[in-house]
PDB file of N, CA and C in Angstrom:
ATOM      1  N   MET A   1       2.077  13.316  -3.445  1.00  0.00           N
ATOM      2  CA  MET A   1       1.066  14.532  -2.857  1.00  0.00           C
ATOM      3  C   MET A   1      -0.647  13.853  -3.499  1.00  0.00           C
ATOM      4  N   ALA A   2      -0.500  13.246  -4.705  1.00  0.00           N
ATOM      5  CA  ALA A   2      -1.323  12.690  -5.280  1.00  0.00           C
ATOM      6  C   ALA A   2      -2.041  11.741  -4.660  1.00  0.00           C
ATOM      7  N   PHE A   3      -0.952  10.639  -4.312  1.00  0.00           N
ATOM      8  CA  PHE A   3      -1.495   9.700  -3.989  1.00  0.00           C
ATOM      9  C   PHE A   3      -2.399  10.114  -2.451  1.00  0.00           C
ATOM     10  N   ALA A   4      -1.231  10.583  -1.317  1.00  0.00           N
ATOM     11  CA  ALA A   4      -1.870  10.553  -0.421  1.00  0.00           C
ATOM     12  C   ALA A   4      -3.368  11.223  -0.443  1.00  0.00           C
ATOM     13  N   THR A   5      -3.139  12.066  -1.492  1.00  0.00           N
ATOM     14  CA  THR A   5      -5.120  12.790  -1.417  1.00  0.00           C
ATOM     15  C   THR A   5      -5.924  11.882  -2.164  1.00  0.00           C
ATOM     16  N   GLU A   6      -5.496  11.394  -3.130  1.00  0.00           N
ATOM     17  CA  GLU A   6      -6.038  10.296  -3.114  1.00  0.00           C
ATOM     18  C   GLU A   6      -7.045   9.220  -2.107  1.00  0.00           C
ATOM     19  N   LEU A   7      -5.870   8.682  -1.625  1.00  0.00           N
ATOM     20  CA  LEU A   7      -6.413   8.033  -0.382  1.00  0.00           C
ATOM     21  C   LEU A   7      -6.930   8.823   0.604  1.00  0.00           C
ATOM     22  N   LEU A   8      -7.383  10.047   0.983  1.00  0.00           N
ATOM     23  CA  LEU A   8      -7.815  10.865   2.059  1.00  0.00           C
ATOM     24  C   LEU A   8      -9.060  10.692   0.975  1.00  0.00           C
ATOM     25  N   VAL A   9      -9.085  11.267   0.422  1.00  0.00           N
ATOM     26  CA  VAL A   9     -10.423  11.982  -0.177  1.00  0.00           C
ATOM     27  C   VAL A   9     -11.541  11.291  -1.021  1.00  0.00           C
ATOM     28  N   ASN A  10     -10.810  10.277  -1.876  1.00  0.00           N
ATOM     29  CA  ASN A  10     -11.442   9.573  -2.497  1.00  0.00           C
ATOM     30  C   ASN A  10     -11.981   8.433  -1.732  1.00  0.00           C
ATOM     31  N   PRO A  11     -13.855   8.219  -1.949  1.00  0.00           N
ATOM     32  CA  PRO A  11     -14.846   7.384  -1.449  1.00  0.00           C
ATOM     33  C   PRO A  11     -14.325   5.920  -1.712  1.00  0.00           C
ATOM     34  N   MET A  12     -13.847   5.956  -2.809  1.00  0.00           N
ATOM     35  CA  MET A  12     -13.858   4.564  -3.936  1.00  0.00           C
ATOM     36  C   MET A  12     -12.510   4.093  -3.323  1.00  0.00           C
ATOM     37  N   MET A  13     -11.482   4.182  -2.250  1.00  0.00           N
ATOM     38  CA  MET A  13     -10.500   3.917  -1.787  1.00  0.00           C
ATOM     39  C   MET A  13     -10.923   3.143  -0.801  1.00  0.00           C
ATOM     40  N   GLY A  14     -11.948   4.008  -0.284  1.00  0.00           N
ATOM     41  CA  GLY A  14     -12.621   2.387   1.366  1.00  0.00           C
ATOM     42  C   GLY A  14     -11.977   3.526   2.268  1.00  0.00           C
ATOM     43  N   LEU A  15     -11.019   4.505   2.173  1.00  0.00           N
ATOM     44  CA  LEU A  15     -10.559   4.868   3.980  1.00  0.00           C
ATOM     45  C   LEU A  15     -11.087   6.009   4.500  1.00  0.00           C
ATOM     46  N   SER A  16     -11.928   6.527   3.405  1.00  0.00           N
ATOM     47  CA  SER A  16     -12.348   8.228   4.013  1.00  0.00           C
ATOM     48  C   SER A  16     -14.011   8.605   3.601  1.00  0.00           C
ATOM     49  N   SER A  17     -14.288   8.824   4.810  1.00  0.00           N
ATOM     50  CA  SER A  17     -16.040   9.253   3.823  1.00  0.00           C
ATOM     51  C   SER A  17     -16.197  10.993   3.916  1.00  0.00           C
ATOM     52  N   LEU A  18     -14.934  11.313   3.415  1.00  0.00           N
ATOM     53  CA  LEU A  18     -14.938  13.087   3.531  1.00  0.00           C
ATOM     54  C   LEU A  18     -15.728  12.923   2.208  1.00  0.00           C
ATOM     55  N   GLY A  19     -15.390  11.996   1.098  1.00  0.00           N
ATOM     56  CA  GLY A  19     -15.892  12.905   0.053  1.00  0.00           C
ATOM     57  C   GLY A  19     -16.861  12.481  -0.598  1.00  0.00           C
ATOM     58  N   ASN A  20     -16.835  13.072  -1.333  1.00  0.00           N
ATOM     59  CA  ASN A  20     -18.554  12.577  -1.984  1.00  0.00           C
ATOM     60  C   ASN A  20     -18.561  13.571  -3.511  1.00  0.00           C
ATOM     61  N   PRO A  21     -19.324  13.523  -4.641  1.00  0.00           N
ATOM     62  CA  PRO A  21     -19.130  14.050  -6.072  1.00  0.00           C
ATOM     63  C   PRO A  21     -19.588  15.580  -5.563  1.00  0.00           C
ATOM     64  N   ALA A  22     -19.814  16.615  -4.817  1.00  0.00           N
ATOM     65  CA  ALA A  22     -19.806  17.776  -4.298  1.00  0.00           C
ATOM     66  C   ALA A  22     -18.452  17.942  -3.786  1.00  0.00           C
ATOM     67  N   SER A  23     -18.158  17.582  -3.146  1.00  0.00           N
ATOM     68  CA  SER A  23     -17.088  18.148  -2.240  1.00  0.00           C
ATOM     69  C   SER A  23     -15.872  17.494  -3.037  1.00  0.00           C
ATOM     70  N   HIS A  24     -15.506  16.775  -4.080  1.00  0.00           N
ATOM     71  CA  HIS A  24     -14.358  16.189  -4.404  1.00  0.00           C
ATOM     72  C   HIS A  24     -13.070  16.637  -4.484  1.00  0.00           C
ATOM     73  N   TRP A  25     -13.332  18.184  -5.712  1.00  0.00           N
ATOM     74  CA  TRP A  25     -12.656  19.041  -6.060  1.00  0.00           C
ATOM     75  C   TRP A  25     -12.108  19.611  -5.208  1.00  0.00           C
ATOM     76  N   PRO A  26     -12.955  20.133  -4.284  1.00  0.00           N
ATOM     77  CA  PRO A  26     -12.473  21.402  -3.616  1.00  0.00           C
ATOM     78  C   PRO A  26     -11.622  20.653  -2.352  1.00  0.00           C
ATOM     79  N   LEU A  27     -11.924  19.309  -1.948  1.00  0.00           N
ATOM     80  CA  LEU A  27     -11.119  18.571  -0.724  1.00  0.00           C
ATOM     81  C   LEU A  27     -10.025  18.424  -1.581  1.00  0.00           C
ATOM     82  N   MET A  28     -10.408  17.950  -2.440  1.00  0.00           N
ATOM     83  CA  MET A  28      -8.581  17.518  -3.147  1.00  0.00           C
ATOM     84  C   MET A  28      -7.860  18.919  -3.755  1.00  0.00           C
ATOM     85  N   VAL A  29      -7.942  19.917  -3.823  1.00  0.00           N
ATOM     86  CA  VAL A  29      -7.332  21.396  -4.114  1.00  0.00           C
ATOM     87  C   VAL A  29      -7.189  21.944  -2.563  1.00  0.00           C
ATOM     88  N   ALA A  30      -7.696  21.442  -1.819  1.00  0.00           N
ATOM     89  CA  ALA A  30      -7.132  22.137  -0.504  1.00  0.00           C
ATOM     90  C   ALA A  30      -6.236  21.253   0.339  1.00  0.00           C
ATOM     91  N   LEU A  31      -6.068  19.682   0.077  1.00  0.00           N
ATOM     92  CA  LEU A  31      -5.537  18.773   0.459  1.00  0.00           C
ATOM     93  C   LEU A  31      -3.883  19.190  -0.331  1.00  0.00           C
ATOM     94  N   ASN A  32      -4.346  19.167  -1.425  1.00  0.00           N
ATOM     95  CA  ASN A  32      -2.900  19.097  -2.083  1.00  0.00           C
ATOM     96  C   ASN A  32      -2.102  20.585  -1.970  1.00  0.00           C
ATOM     97  N   VAL A  33      -2.848  21.483  -1.772  1.00  0.00           N
ATOM     98  CA  VAL A  33      -1.735  23.051  -1.381  1.00  0.00           C
ATOM     99  C   VAL A  33      -1.838  22.650  -0.049  1.00  0.00           C
ATOM    100  N   ALA A  34      -2.606  22.207   0.605  1.00  0.00           N
ATOM    101  CA  ALA A  34      -1.600  21.966   2.663  1.00  0.00           C
ATOM    102  C   ALA A  34      -0.373  20.731   2.431  1.00  0.00           C
ATOM    103  N   LEU A  35      -0.291  20.369   1.672  1.00  0.00           N
ATOM    104  CA  LEU A  35       0.566  19.358   1.401  1.00  0.00           C
ATOM    105  C   LEU A  35       1.689  19.758   0.474  1.00  0.00           C
ATOM    106  N   PHE A  36       1.443  20.672  -0.196  1.00  0.00           N
ATOM    107  CA  PHE A  36       2.645  21.315  -0.928  1.00  0.00           C
ATOM    108  C   PHE A  36       3.033  22.537  -0.027  1.00  0.00           C
ATOM    109  N   LEU A  37       2.354  23.008   0.914  1.00  0.00           N
ATOM    110  CA  LEU A  37       3.023  23.696   1.706  1.00  0.00           C
ATOM    111  C   LEU A  37       3.659  23.300   2.964  1.00  0.00           C
ATOM    112  N   ILE A  38       3.339  22.681   3.284  1.00  0.00           N
ATOM    113  CA  ILE A  38       4.006  21.289   4.240  1.00  0.00           C
ATOM    114  C   ILE A  38       5.348  20.618   3.881  1.00  0.00           C
ATOM    115  N   GLY A  39       5.359  20.522   2.726  1.00  0.00           N
ATOM    116  CA  GLY A  39       6.618  19.957   1.769  1.00  0.00           C
ATOM    117  C   GLY A  39       7.271  21.075   1.823  1.00  0.00           C
ATOM    118  N   GLY A  40       6.931  22.062   1.331  1.00  0.00           N
ATOM    119  CA  GLY A  40       8.155  23.486   1.481  1.00  0.00           C
ATOM    120  C   GLY A  40       8.565  24.323   2.285  1.00  0.00           C
ATOM    121  N   TRP A  41       7.895  24.078   3.313  1.00  0.00           N
ATOM    122  CA  TRP A  41       8.300  24.317   4.435  1.00  0.00           C
ATOM    123  C   TRP A  41       9.670  23.302   4.765  1.00  0.00           C
ATOM    124  N   LEU A  42       9.213  22.198   5.107  1.00  0.00           N
ATOM    125  CA  LEU A  42       9.830  21.071   5.748  1.00  0.00           C
ATOM    126  C   LEU A  42      11.687  21.399   4.568  1.00  0.00           C
ATOM    127  N   VAL A  43      11.534  21.634   3.284  1.00  0.00           N
ATOM    128  CA  VAL A  43      12.485  21.582   2.520  1.00  0.00           C
ATOM    129  C   VAL A  43      13.139  22.827   2.789  1.00  0.00           C
ATOM    130  N   ARG A  44      12.337  24.017   2.731  1.00  0.00           N
ATOM    131  CA  ARG A  44      13.349  25.234   3.252  1.00  0.00           C
ATOM    132  C   ARG A  44      13.898  24.916   4.917  1.00  0.00           C
ATOM    133  N   THR A  45      13.463  24.805   6.374  1.00  0.00           N
ATOM    134  CA  THR A  45      13.486  24.051   7.186  1.00  0.00           C
ATOM    135  C   THR A  45      14.998  23.686   7.241  1.00  0.00           C
ATOM    136  N   ARG A  46      14.842  22.400   6.332  1.00  0.00           N
ATOM    137  CA  ARG A  46      16.102  21.464   6.027  1.00  0.00           C
ATOM    138  C   ARG A  46      17.505  21.773   5.741  1.00  0.00           C
ATOM    139  N   LEU A  47      16.723  22.558   4.470  1.00  0.00           N
ATOM    140  CA  LEU A  47      18.035  23.419   4.118  1.00  0.00           C
ATOM    141  C   LEU A  47      18.952  24.438   5.031  1.00  0.00           C
ATOM    142  N   VAL A  48      18.144  25.071   5.649  1.00  0.00           N
ATOM    143  CA  VAL A  48      19.121  26.360   6.604  1.00  0.00           C
ATOM    144  C   VAL A  48      19.393  25.496   7.498  1.00  0.00           C
ATOM    145  N   GLN A  49      19.045  24.187   7.987  1.00  0.00           N
ATOM    146  CA  GLN A  49      19.702  23.646   9.287  1.00  0.00           C
ATOM    147  C   GLN A  49      20.923  23.484   8.828  1.00  0.00           C
ATOM    148  N   THR A  50      20.834  22.746   7.173  1.00  0.00           N
ATOM    149  CA  THR A  50      22.623  22.027   6.858  1.00  0.00           C
ATOM    150  C   THR A  50      23.326  22.817   6.348  1.00  0.00           C
ATOM    151  N   GLY A  51      22.676  24.104   6.118  1.00  0.00           N
ATOM    152  CA  GLY A  51      23.660  25.152   5.032  1.00  0.00           C
ATOM    153  C   GLY A  51      23.669  24.475   3.805  1.00  0.00           C
ATOM    154  N   ALA A  52      23.220  23.539   3.510  1.00  0.00           N
ATOM    155  CA  ALA A  52      23.478  23.495   1.735  1.00  0.00           C
ATOM    156  C   ALA A  52      23.047  24.235   1.163  1.00  0.00           C
ATOM    157  N   PRO A  53      23.860  24.255   0.015  1.00  0.00           N
ATOM    158  CA  PRO A  53      23.414  25.682  -0.836  1.00  0.00           C
ATOM    159  C   PRO A  53      21.890  25.028  -1.791  1.00  0.00           C
ATOM    160  N   ALA A  54      20.807  26.317  -1.766  1.00  0.00           N
ATOM    161  CA  ALA A  54      19.970  26.027  -2.674  1.00  0.00           C
ATOM    162  C   ALA A  54      19.849  25.615  -3.530  1.00  0.00           C
TER     163      ALA A  54
END
């Protein structure tokens, strides 16, 4: 999550123009929460489909 967030938010990486000093931390938190929720959803749906005990 941290690697993806840094690539997408940190302007020093050169991949995104979204980040600036005023919006760096709000964007970082929002993207980490989104990635956490997506990852949790993927884990829950994969465990339910396979029937593996959690």
